[in-house]
């Protein structure tokens, strides 16, 4: 999933919601794929390992991205902080 840059000229919430919705769809596809294999008894140990790494890979990236969003929001609200690189026009 590729993140778009927020240029400060518009509300970033629609983009954030779009990215989160896309990620939730990826989690749902992972879950549904595993459920389909379970239902027809074709789920193997290799599938478990693949699904486990896919799930945790997505989860770690999402936790890191969430922390970055919170950190950035906190820095913008901190008193005495100047504009960050992405907040400057053309930056």
PDB file of N, CA and C in Angstrom:
ATOM      1  N   UNK A   1       0.850  -1.164   0.000  1.00  0.00           N
ATOM      2  CA  UNK A   1       0.000   0.000   0.000  1.00  0.00           C
ATOM      3  C   UNK A   1       0.893   1.223   0.000  1.00  0.00           C
ATOM      4  N   UNK A   2       0.676   2.136  -0.887  1.00  0.00           N
ATOM      5  CA  UNK A   2       1.489   3.317  -1.025  1.00  0.00           C
ATOM      6  C   UNK A   2       0.781   4.498  -0.387  1.00  0.00           C
ATOM      7  N   UNK A   3       1.463   5.207   0.488  1.00  0.00           N
ATOM      8  CA  UNK A   3       0.872   6.358   1.166  1.00  0.00           C
ATOM      9  C   UNK A   3       1.042   7.608   0.315  1.00  0.00           C
ATOM     10  N   UNK A   4       0.012   8.429   0.286  1.00  0.00           N
ATOM     11  CA  UNK A   4       0.072   9.698  -0.425  1.00  0.00           C
ATOM     12  C   UNK A   4       0.601  10.773   0.512  1.00  0.00           C
ATOM     13  N   UNK A   5       1.263  11.768  -0.054  1.00  0.00           N
ATOM     14  CA  UNK A   5       1.745  12.883   0.763  1.00  0.00           C
ATOM     15  C   UNK A   5       0.606  13.830   1.039  1.00  0.00           C
ATOM     16  N   UNK A   6       0.587  14.345   2.238  1.00  0.00           N
ATOM     17  CA  UNK A   6      -0.387  15.349   2.632  1.00  0.00           C
ATOM     18  C   UNK A   6       0.252  16.715   2.430  1.00  0.00           C
ATOM     19  N   UNK A   7      -0.330  17.532   1.552  1.00  0.00           N
ATOM     20  CA  UNK A   7       0.292  18.819   1.221  1.00  0.00           C
ATOM     21  C   UNK A   7      -0.205  19.975   2.074  1.00  0.00           C
ATOM     22  N   UNK A   8      -1.129  19.764   2.996  1.00  0.00           N
ATOM     23  CA  UNK A   8      -1.582  20.818   3.889  1.00  0.00           C
ATOM     24  C   UNK A   8      -2.657  21.697   3.301  1.00  0.00           C
ATOM     25  N   UNK A   9      -2.975  21.551   2.020  1.00  0.00           N
ATOM     26  CA  UNK A   9      -3.961  22.420   1.398  1.00  0.00           C
ATOM     27  C   UNK A   9      -5.375  21.885   1.549  1.00  0.00           C
ATOM     28  N   UNK A  10      -5.525  20.668   2.024  1.00  0.00           N
ATOM     29  CA  UNK A  10      -6.847  20.077   2.177  1.00  0.00           C
ATOM     30  C   UNK A  10      -6.879  19.233   3.432  1.00  0.00           C
ATOM     31  N   UNK A  11      -8.049  18.867   3.836  1.00  0.00           N
ATOM     32  CA  UNK A  11      -8.213  18.017   5.001  1.00  0.00           C
ATOM     33  C   UNK A  11      -7.644  16.643   4.703  1.00  0.00           C
ATOM     34  N   UNK A  12      -6.774  16.137   5.577  1.00  0.00           N
ATOM     35  CA  UNK A  12      -6.128  14.850   5.354  1.00  0.00           C
ATOM     36  C   UNK A  12      -6.944  13.659   5.814  1.00  0.00           C
ATOM     37  N   UNK A  13      -8.072  13.892   6.505  1.00  0.00           N
ATOM     38  CA  UNK A  13      -8.856  12.775   7.014  1.00  0.00           C
ATOM     39  C   UNK A  13      -9.418  11.877   5.925  1.00  0.00           C
ATOM     40  N   UNK A  14      -9.952  12.395   4.804  1.00  0.00           N
ATOM     41  CA  UNK A  14     -10.455  11.474   3.776  1.00  0.00           C
ATOM     42  C   UNK A  14      -9.370  10.526   3.260  1.00  0.00           C
ATOM     43  N   UNK A  15      -8.156  11.036   3.113  1.00  0.00           N
ATOM     44  CA  UNK A  15      -7.064  10.200   2.637  1.00  0.00           C
ATOM     45  C   UNK A  15      -6.706   9.151   3.686  1.00  0.00           C
ATOM     46  N   UNK A  16      -6.674   9.550   4.945  1.00  0.00           N
ATOM     47  CA  UNK A  16      -6.372   8.617   6.023  1.00  0.00           C
ATOM     48  C   UNK A  16      -7.435   7.524   6.108  1.00  0.00           C
ATOM     49  N   UNK A  17      -8.688   7.925   5.969  1.00  0.00           N
ATOM     50  CA  UNK A  17      -9.786   6.959   5.990  1.00  0.00           C
ATOM     51  C   UNK A  17      -9.680   6.008   4.803  1.00  0.00           C
ATOM     52  N   UNK A  18      -9.334   6.532   3.638  1.00  0.00           N
ATOM     53  CA  UNK A  18      -9.176   5.697   2.448  1.00  0.00           C
ATOM     54  C   UNK A  18      -8.060   4.668   2.646  1.00  0.00           C
ATOM     55  N   UNK A  19      -6.939   5.101   3.189  1.00  0.00           N
ATOM     56  CA  UNK A  19      -5.828   4.183   3.426  1.00  0.00           C
ATOM     57  C   UNK A  19      -6.185   3.124   4.472  1.00  0.00           C
ATOM     58  N   UNK A  20      -6.869   3.539   5.544  1.00  0.00           N
ATOM     59  CA  UNK A  20      -7.272   2.588   6.587  1.00  0.00           C
ATOM     60  C   UNK A  20      -8.298   1.594   6.047  1.00  0.00           C
ATOM     61  N   UNK A  21      -9.215   2.077   5.229  1.00  0.00           N
ATOM     62  CA  UNK A  21     -10.214   1.188   4.639  1.00  0.00           C
ATOM     63  C   UNK A  21      -9.543   0.156   3.729  1.00  0.00           C
ATOM     64  N   UNK A  22      -8.589   0.600   2.947  1.00  0.00           N
ATOM     65  CA  UNK A  22      -7.846  -0.321   2.087  1.00  0.00           C
ATOM     66  C   UNK A  22      -7.101  -1.378   2.885  1.00  0.00           C
ATOM     67  N   UNK A  23      -6.513  -0.955   3.994  1.00  0.00           N
ATOM     68  CA  UNK A  23      -5.781  -1.917   4.833  1.00  0.00           C
ATOM     69  C   UNK A  23      -6.745  -2.908   5.479  1.00  0.00           C
ATOM     70  N   UNK A  24      -7.909  -2.446   5.924  1.00  0.00           N
ATOM     71  CA  UNK A  24      -8.891  -3.354   6.515  1.00  0.00           C
ATOM     72  C   UNK A  24      -9.368  -4.382   5.493  1.00  0.00           C
ATOM     73  N   UNK A  25      -9.473  -3.955   4.228  1.00  0.00           N
ATOM     74  CA  UNK A  25      -9.841  -4.899   3.171  1.00  0.00           C
ATOM     75  C   UNK A  25      -8.764  -5.958   2.979  1.00  0.00           C
ATOM     76  N   UNK A  26      -7.492  -5.566   3.120  1.00  0.00           N
ATOM     77  CA  UNK A  26      -6.402  -6.534   3.016  1.00  0.00           C
ATOM     78  C   UNK A  26      -6.464  -7.547   4.155  1.00  0.00           C
ATOM     79  N   UNK A  27      -6.744  -7.078   5.371  1.00  0.00           N
ATOM     80  CA  UNK A  27      -6.892  -7.996   6.506  1.00  0.00           C
ATOM     81  C   UNK A  27      -8.066  -8.945   6.262  1.00  0.00           C
ATOM     82  N   UNK A  28      -9.171  -8.410   5.747  1.00  0.00           N
ATOM     83  CA  UNK A  28     -10.353  -9.245   5.481  1.00  0.00           C
ATOM     84  C   UNK A  28     -10.044 -10.297   4.416  1.00  0.00           C
ATOM     85  N   UNK A  29      -9.312  -9.930   3.376  1.00  0.00           N
ATOM     86  CA  UNK A  29      -8.942 -10.893   2.337  1.00  0.00           C
ATOM     87  C   UNK A  29      -8.060 -12.006   2.905  1.00  0.00           C
ATOM     88  N   UNK A  30      -7.142 -11.642   3.780  1.00  0.00           N
ATOM     89  CA  UNK A  30      -6.286 -12.634   4.415  1.00  0.00           C
ATOM     90  C   UNK A  30      -7.133 -13.605   5.237  1.00  0.00           C
ATOM     91  N   UNK A  31      -8.055 -13.056   6.024  1.00  0.00           N
ATOM     92  CA  UNK A  31      -8.931 -13.877   6.860  1.00  0.00           C
ATOM     93  C   UNK A  31      -9.835 -14.775   6.006  1.00  0.00           C
ATOM     94  N   UNK A  32     -10.449 -14.194   4.976  1.00  0.00           N
ATOM     95  CA  UNK A  32     -11.361 -14.961   4.126  1.00  0.00           C
ATOM     96  C   UNK A  32     -10.628 -16.050   3.348  1.00  0.00           C
ATOM     97  N   UNK A  33      -9.405 -15.763   2.928  1.00  0.00           N
ATOM     98  CA  UNK A  33      -8.616 -16.779   2.234  1.00  0.00           C
ATOM     99  C   UNK A  33      -8.314 -17.971   3.135  1.00  0.00           C
ATOM    100  N   UNK A  34      -7.952 -17.676   4.385  1.00  0.00           N
ATOM    101  CA  UNK A  34      -7.687 -18.759   5.337  1.00  0.00           C
ATOM    102  C   UNK A  34      -8.969 -19.523   5.641  1.00  0.00           C
ATOM    103  N   UNK A  35     -10.082 -18.807   5.813  1.00  0.00           N
ATOM    104  CA  UNK A  35     -11.362 -19.462   6.109  1.00  0.00           C
ATOM    105  C   UNK A  35     -11.798 -20.371   4.967  1.00  0.00           C
ATOM    106  N   UNK A  36     -11.567 -19.938   3.734  1.00  0.00           N
ATOM    107  CA  UNK A  36     -11.946 -20.754   2.580  1.00  0.00           C
ATOM    108  C   UNK A  36     -11.122 -22.043   2.535  1.00  0.00           C
ATOM    109  N   UNK A  37      -9.823 -21.925   2.840  1.00  0.00           N
ATOM    110  CA  UNK A  37      -8.980 -23.128   2.846  1.00  0.00           C
ATOM    111  C   UNK A  37      -9.363 -24.060   3.981  1.00  0.00           C
ATOM    112  N   UNK A  38      -9.737 -23.478   5.141  1.00  0.00           N
ATOM    113  CA  UNK A  38     -10.192 -24.320   6.254  1.00  0.00           C
ATOM    114  C   UNK A  38     -11.468 -25.064   5.892  1.00  0.00           C
ATOM    115  N   UNK A  39     -12.380 -24.381   5.217  1.00  0.00           N
ATOM    116  CA  UNK A  39     -13.681 -24.995   4.922  1.00  0.00           C
ATOM    117  C   UNK A  39     -13.573 -26.171   3.947  1.00  0.00           C
ATOM    118  N   UNK A  40     -12.594 -26.113   3.029  1.00  0.00           N
ATOM    119  CA  UNK A  40     -12.447 -27.251   2.117  1.00  0.00           C
ATOM    120  C   UNK A  40     -11.270 -28.152   2.496  1.00  0.00           C
ATOM    121  N   UNK A  41     -10.785 -27.989   3.726  1.00  0.00           N
ATOM    122  CA  UNK A  41      -9.719 -28.834   4.300  1.00  0.00           C
ATOM    123  C   UNK A  41      -8.428 -28.828   3.486  1.00  0.00           C
ATOM    124  N   UNK A  42      -8.113 -27.695   2.863  1.00  0.00           N
ATOM    125  CA  UNK A  42      -6.867 -27.606   2.106  1.00  0.00           C
ATOM    126  C   UNK A  42      -5.825 -26.710   2.792  1.00  0.00           C
ATOM    127  N   UNK A  43      -6.098 -26.296   4.021  1.00  0.00           N
ATOM    128  CA  UNK A  43      -5.154 -25.442   4.764  1.00  0.00           C
ATOM    129  C   UNK A  43      -4.016 -26.312   5.286  1.00  0.00           C
ATOM    130  N   UNK A  44      -2.770 -25.936   4.938  1.00  0.00           N
ATOM    131  CA  UNK A  44      -1.598 -26.712   5.318  1.00  0.00           C
ATOM    132  C   UNK A  44      -0.723 -25.914   6.267  1.00  0.00           C
ATOM    133  N   UNK A  45       0.292 -26.550   6.789  1.00  0.00           N
ATOM    134  CA  UNK A  45       1.203 -25.864   7.717  1.00  0.00           C
ATOM    135  C   UNK A  45       1.917 -24.703   7.022  1.00  0.00           C
ATOM    136  N   UNK A  46       2.215 -24.851   5.735  1.00  0.00           N
ATOM    137  CA  UNK A  46       2.863 -23.769   4.991  1.00  0.00           C
ATOM    138  C   UNK A  46       1.947 -22.541   4.901  1.00  0.00           C
ATOM    139  N   UNK A  47       0.655 -22.804   4.761  1.00  0.00           N
ATOM    140  CA  UNK A  47      -0.305 -21.703   4.712  1.00  0.00           C
ATOM    141  C   UNK A  47      -0.344 -20.959   6.041  1.00  0.00           C
ATOM    142  N   UNK A  48      -0.267 -21.710   7.135  1.00  0.00           N
ATOM    143  CA  UNK A  48      -0.267 -21.093   8.457  1.00  0.00           C
ATOM    144  C   UNK A  48       0.927 -20.162   8.615  1.00  0.00           C
ATOM    145  N   UNK A  49       2.082 -20.626   8.205  1.00  0.00           N
ATOM    146  CA  UNK A  49       3.289 -19.803   8.311  1.00  0.00           C
ATOM    147  C   UNK A  49       3.181 -18.576   7.415  1.00  0.00           C
ATOM    148  N   UNK A  50       2.743 -18.754   6.181  1.00  0.00           N
ATOM    149  CA  UNK A  50       2.573 -17.612   5.276  1.00  0.00           C
ATOM    150  C   UNK A  50       1.589 -16.600   5.834  1.00  0.00           C
ATOM    151  N   UNK A  51       0.446 -17.077   6.304  1.00  0.00           N
ATOM    152  CA  UNK A  51      -0.573 -16.177   6.844  1.00  0.00           C
ATOM    153  C   UNK A  51      -0.087 -15.475   8.104  1.00  0.00           C
ATOM    154  N   UNK A  52       0.640 -16.197   8.934  1.00  0.00           N
ATOM    155  CA  UNK A  52       1.165 -15.619  10.169  1.00  0.00           C
ATOM    156  C   UNK A  52       2.112 -14.462   9.851  1.00  0.00           C
ATOM    157  N   UNK A  53       3.036 -14.667   8.911  1.00  0.00           N
ATOM    158  CA  UNK A  53       3.973 -13.603   8.570  1.00  0.00           C
ATOM    159  C   UNK A  53       3.281 -12.441   7.856  1.00  0.00           C
ATOM    160  N   UNK A  54       2.302 -12.723   7.017  1.00  0.00           N
ATOM    161  CA  UNK A  54       1.548 -11.648   6.366  1.00  0.00           C
ATOM    162  C   UNK A  54       0.809 -10.811   7.401  1.00  0.00           C
ATOM    163  N   UNK A  55       0.142 -11.495   8.348  1.00  0.00           N
ATOM    164  CA  UNK A  55      -0.613 -10.788   9.380  1.00  0.00           C
ATOM    165  C   UNK A  55       0.299  -9.913  10.226  1.00  0.00           C
ATOM    166  N   UNK A  56       1.371 -10.483  10.742  1.00  0.00           N
ATOM    167  CA  UNK A  56       2.256  -9.715  11.603  1.00  0.00           C
ATOM    168  C   UNK A  56       3.021  -8.644  10.838  1.00  0.00           C
ATOM    169  N   UNK A  57       3.340  -8.906   9.575  1.00  0.00           N
ATOM    170  CA  UNK A  57       3.986  -7.865   8.770  1.00  0.00           C
ATOM    171  C   UNK A  57       3.091  -6.659   8.603  1.00  0.00           C
ATOM    172  N   UNK A  58       1.821  -6.903   8.299  1.00  0.00           N
ATOM    173  CA  UNK A  58       0.861  -5.806   8.165  1.00  0.00           C
ATOM    174  C   UNK A  58       0.657  -5.103   9.502  1.00  0.00           C
ATOM    175  N   UNK A  59       0.524  -5.881  10.572  1.00  0.00           N
ATOM    176  CA  UNK A  59       0.275  -5.303  11.891  1.00  0.00           C
ATOM    177  C   UNK A  59       1.435  -4.411  12.343  1.00  0.00           C
ATOM    178  N   UNK A  60       2.655  -4.862  12.144  1.00  0.00           N
ATOM    179  CA  UNK A  60       3.821  -4.058  12.539  1.00  0.00           C
ATOM    180  C   UNK A  60       3.883  -2.775  11.724  1.00  0.00           C
ATOM    181  N   UNK A  61       3.652  -2.853  10.412  1.00  0.00           N
ATOM    182  CA  UNK A  61       3.649  -1.638   9.586  1.00  0.00           C
ATOM    183  C   UNK A  61       2.548  -0.681  10.022  1.00  0.00           C
ATOM    184  N   UNK A  62       1.379  -1.233  10.358  1.00  0.00           N
ATOM    185  CA  UNK A  62       0.265  -0.383  10.772  1.00  0.00           C
ATOM    186  C   UNK A  62       0.528   0.266  12.124  1.00  0.00           C
ATOM    187  N   UNK A  63       1.126  -0.472  13.053  1.00  0.00           N
ATOM    188  CA  UNK A  63       1.453   0.118  14.355  1.00  0.00           C
ATOM    189  C   UNK A  63       2.502   1.206  14.205  1.00  0.00           C
ATOM    190  N   UNK A  64       3.475   0.981  13.345  1.00  0.00           N
ATOM    191  CA  UNK A  64       4.511   1.989  13.109  1.00  0.00           C
ATOM    192  C   UNK A  64       3.909   3.232  12.463  1.00  0.00           C
ATOM    193  N   UNK A  65       3.042   3.034  11.482  1.00  0.00           N
ATOM    194  CA  UNK A  65       2.393   4.169  10.822  1.00  0.00           C
ATOM    195  C   UNK A  65       1.506   4.927  11.809  1.00  0.00           C
ATOM    196  N   UNK A  66       0.782   4.203  12.656  1.00  0.00           N
ATOM    197  CA  UNK A  66      -0.070   4.847  13.659  1.00  0.00           C
ATOM    198  C   UNK A  66       0.743   5.677  14.626  1.00  0.00           C
ATOM    199  N   UNK A  67       1.875   5.144  15.070  1.00  0.00           N
ATOM    200  CA  UNK A  67       2.751   5.896  15.966  1.00  0.00           C
ATOM    201  C   UNK A  67       3.285   7.152  15.281  1.00  0.00           C
ATOM    202  N   UNK A  68       3.626   7.032  14.005  1.00  0.00           N
ATOM    203  CA  UNK A  68       4.131   8.198  13.265  1.00  0.00           C
ATOM    204  C   UNK A  68       3.051   9.270  13.120  1.00  0.00           C
ATOM    205  N   UNK A  69       1.815   8.847  12.864  1.00  0.00           N
ATOM    206  CA  UNK A  69       0.714   9.812  12.749  1.00  0.00           C
ATOM    207  C   UNK A  69       0.501  10.520  14.078  1.00  0.00           C
ATOM    208  N   UNK A  70       0.482   9.763  15.169  1.00  0.00           N
ATOM    209  CA  UNK A  70       0.291  10.376  16.489  1.00  0.00           C
ATOM    210  C   UNK A  70       1.446  11.293  16.850  1.00  0.00           C
ATOM    211  N   UNK A  71       2.659  10.868  16.552  1.00  0.00           N
ATOM    212  CA  UNK A  71       3.833  11.694  16.842  1.00  0.00           C
ATOM    213  C   UNK A  71       3.774  13.007  16.057  1.00  0.00           C
ATOM    214  N   UNK A  72       3.449  12.911  14.777  1.00  0.00           N
ATOM    215  CA  UNK A  72       3.360  14.108  13.938  1.00  0.00           C
ATOM    216  C   UNK A  72       2.264  15.042  14.439  1.00  0.00           C
ATOM    217  N   UNK A  73       1.121  14.479  14.796  1.00  0.00           N
ATOM    218  CA  UNK A  73       0.029  15.307  15.319  1.00  0.00           C
ATOM    219  C   UNK A  73       0.443  15.969  16.620  1.00  0.00           C
ATOM    220  N   UNK A  74       1.147  15.254  17.472  1.00  0.00           N
ATOM    221  CA  UNK A  74       1.619  15.832  18.731  1.00  0.00           C
ATOM    222  C   UNK A  74       2.636  16.929  18.513  1.00  0.00           C
ATOM    223  N   UNK A  75       3.516  16.767  17.542  1.00  0.00           N
ATOM    224  CA  UNK A  75       4.523  17.787  17.258  1.00  0.00           C
ATOM    225  C   UNK A  75       3.894  19.057  16.700  1.00  0.00           C
ATOM    226  N   UNK A  76       2.837  18.914  15.931  1.00  0.00           N
ATOM    227  CA  UNK A  76       2.167  20.085  15.379  1.00  0.00           C
ATOM    228  C   UNK A  76       1.472  20.889  16.466  1.00  0.00           C
ATOM    229  N   UNK A  77       1.023  20.191  17.523  1.00  0.00           N
ATOM    230  CA  UNK A  77       0.311  20.863  18.609  1.00  0.00           C
ATOM    231  C   UNK A  77       1.234  21.367  19.706  1.00  0.00           C
ATOM    232  N   UNK A  78       2.511  20.987  19.665  1.00  0.00           N
ATOM    233  CA  UNK A  78       3.445  21.384  20.706  1.00  0.00           C
ATOM    234  C   UNK A  78       3.743  22.879  20.597  1.00  0.00           C
ATOM    235  N   UNK A  79       3.714  23.593  21.731  1.00  0.00           N
ATOM    236  CA  UNK A  79       4.001  25.031  21.682  1.00  0.00           C
ATOM    237  C   UNK A  79       5.452  25.287  21.290  1.00  0.00           C
ATOM    238  N   UNK A  80       5.654  26.317  20.500  1.00  0.00           N
ATOM    239  CA  UNK A  80       6.990  26.720  20.100  1.00  0.00           C
ATOM    240  C   UNK A  80       7.589  25.919  18.969  1.00  0.00           C
ATOM    241  N   UNK A  81       6.837  25.018  18.398  1.00  0.00           N
ATOM    242  CA  UNK A  81       7.350  24.228  17.289  1.00  0.00           C
ATOM    243  C   UNK A  81       7.071  24.943  15.979  1.00  0.00           C
ATOM    244  N   UNK A  82       8.085  25.049  15.160  1.00  0.00           N
ATOM    245  CA  UNK A  82       7.898  25.640  13.837  1.00  0.00           C
ATOM    246  C   UNK A  82       7.280  24.645  12.889  1.00  0.00           C
ATOM    247  N   UNK A  83       7.067  25.099  11.666  1.00  0.00           N
ATOM    248  CA  UNK A  83       6.474  24.221  10.653  1.00  0.00           C
ATOM    249  C   UNK A  83       7.432  23.079  10.348  1.00  0.00           C
ATOM    250  N   UNK A  84       6.880  21.923  10.172  1.00  0.00           N
ATOM    251  CA  UNK A  84       7.667  20.763   9.798  1.00  0.00           C
ATOM    252  C   UNK A  84       7.880  20.800   8.287  1.00  0.00           C
ATOM    253  N   UNK A  85       8.798  19.997   7.803  1.00  0.00           N
ATOM    254  CA  UNK A  85       9.156  20.008   6.392  1.00  0.00           C
ATOM    255  C   UNK A  85       7.927  19.904   5.489  1.00  0.00           C
ATOM    256  N   UNK A  86       7.013  18.945   5.762  1.00  0.00           N
ATOM    257  CA  UNK A  86       5.850  18.746   4.915  1.00  0.00           C
ATOM    258  C   UNK A  86       4.792  19.831   5.086  1.00  0.00           C
ATOM    259  N   UNK A  87       4.918  20.661   6.122  1.00  0.00           N
ATOM    260  CA  UNK A  87       3.941  21.724   6.343  1.00  0.00           C
ATOM    261  C   UNK A  87       4.258  22.986   5.546  1.00  0.00           C
ATOM    262  N   UNK A  88       5.482  23.106   5.085  1.00  0.00           N
ATOM    263  CA  UNK A  88       5.849  24.304   4.350  1.00  0.00           C
ATOM    264  C   UNK A  88       5.301  24.248   2.936  1.00  0.00           C
ATOM    265  N   UNK A  89       4.902  25.414   2.412  1.00  0.00           N
ATOM    266  CA  UNK A  89       4.426  25.425   1.021  1.00  0.00           C
ATOM    267  C   UNK A  89       5.516  24.901   0.089  1.00  0.00           C
ATOM    268  N   UNK A  90       5.146  23.949  -0.753  1.00  0.00           N
ATOM    269  CA  UNK A  90       6.093  23.386  -1.702  1.00  0.00           C
ATOM    270  C   UNK A  90       7.042  22.374  -1.091  1.00  0.00           C
ATOM    271  N   UNK A  91       6.916  22.058   0.212  1.00  0.00           N
ATOM    272  CA  UNK A  91       7.861  21.157   0.894  1.00  0.00           C
ATOM    273  C   UNK A  91       7.390  19.809   0.892  1.00  0.00           C
TER     274      UNK A  91
END
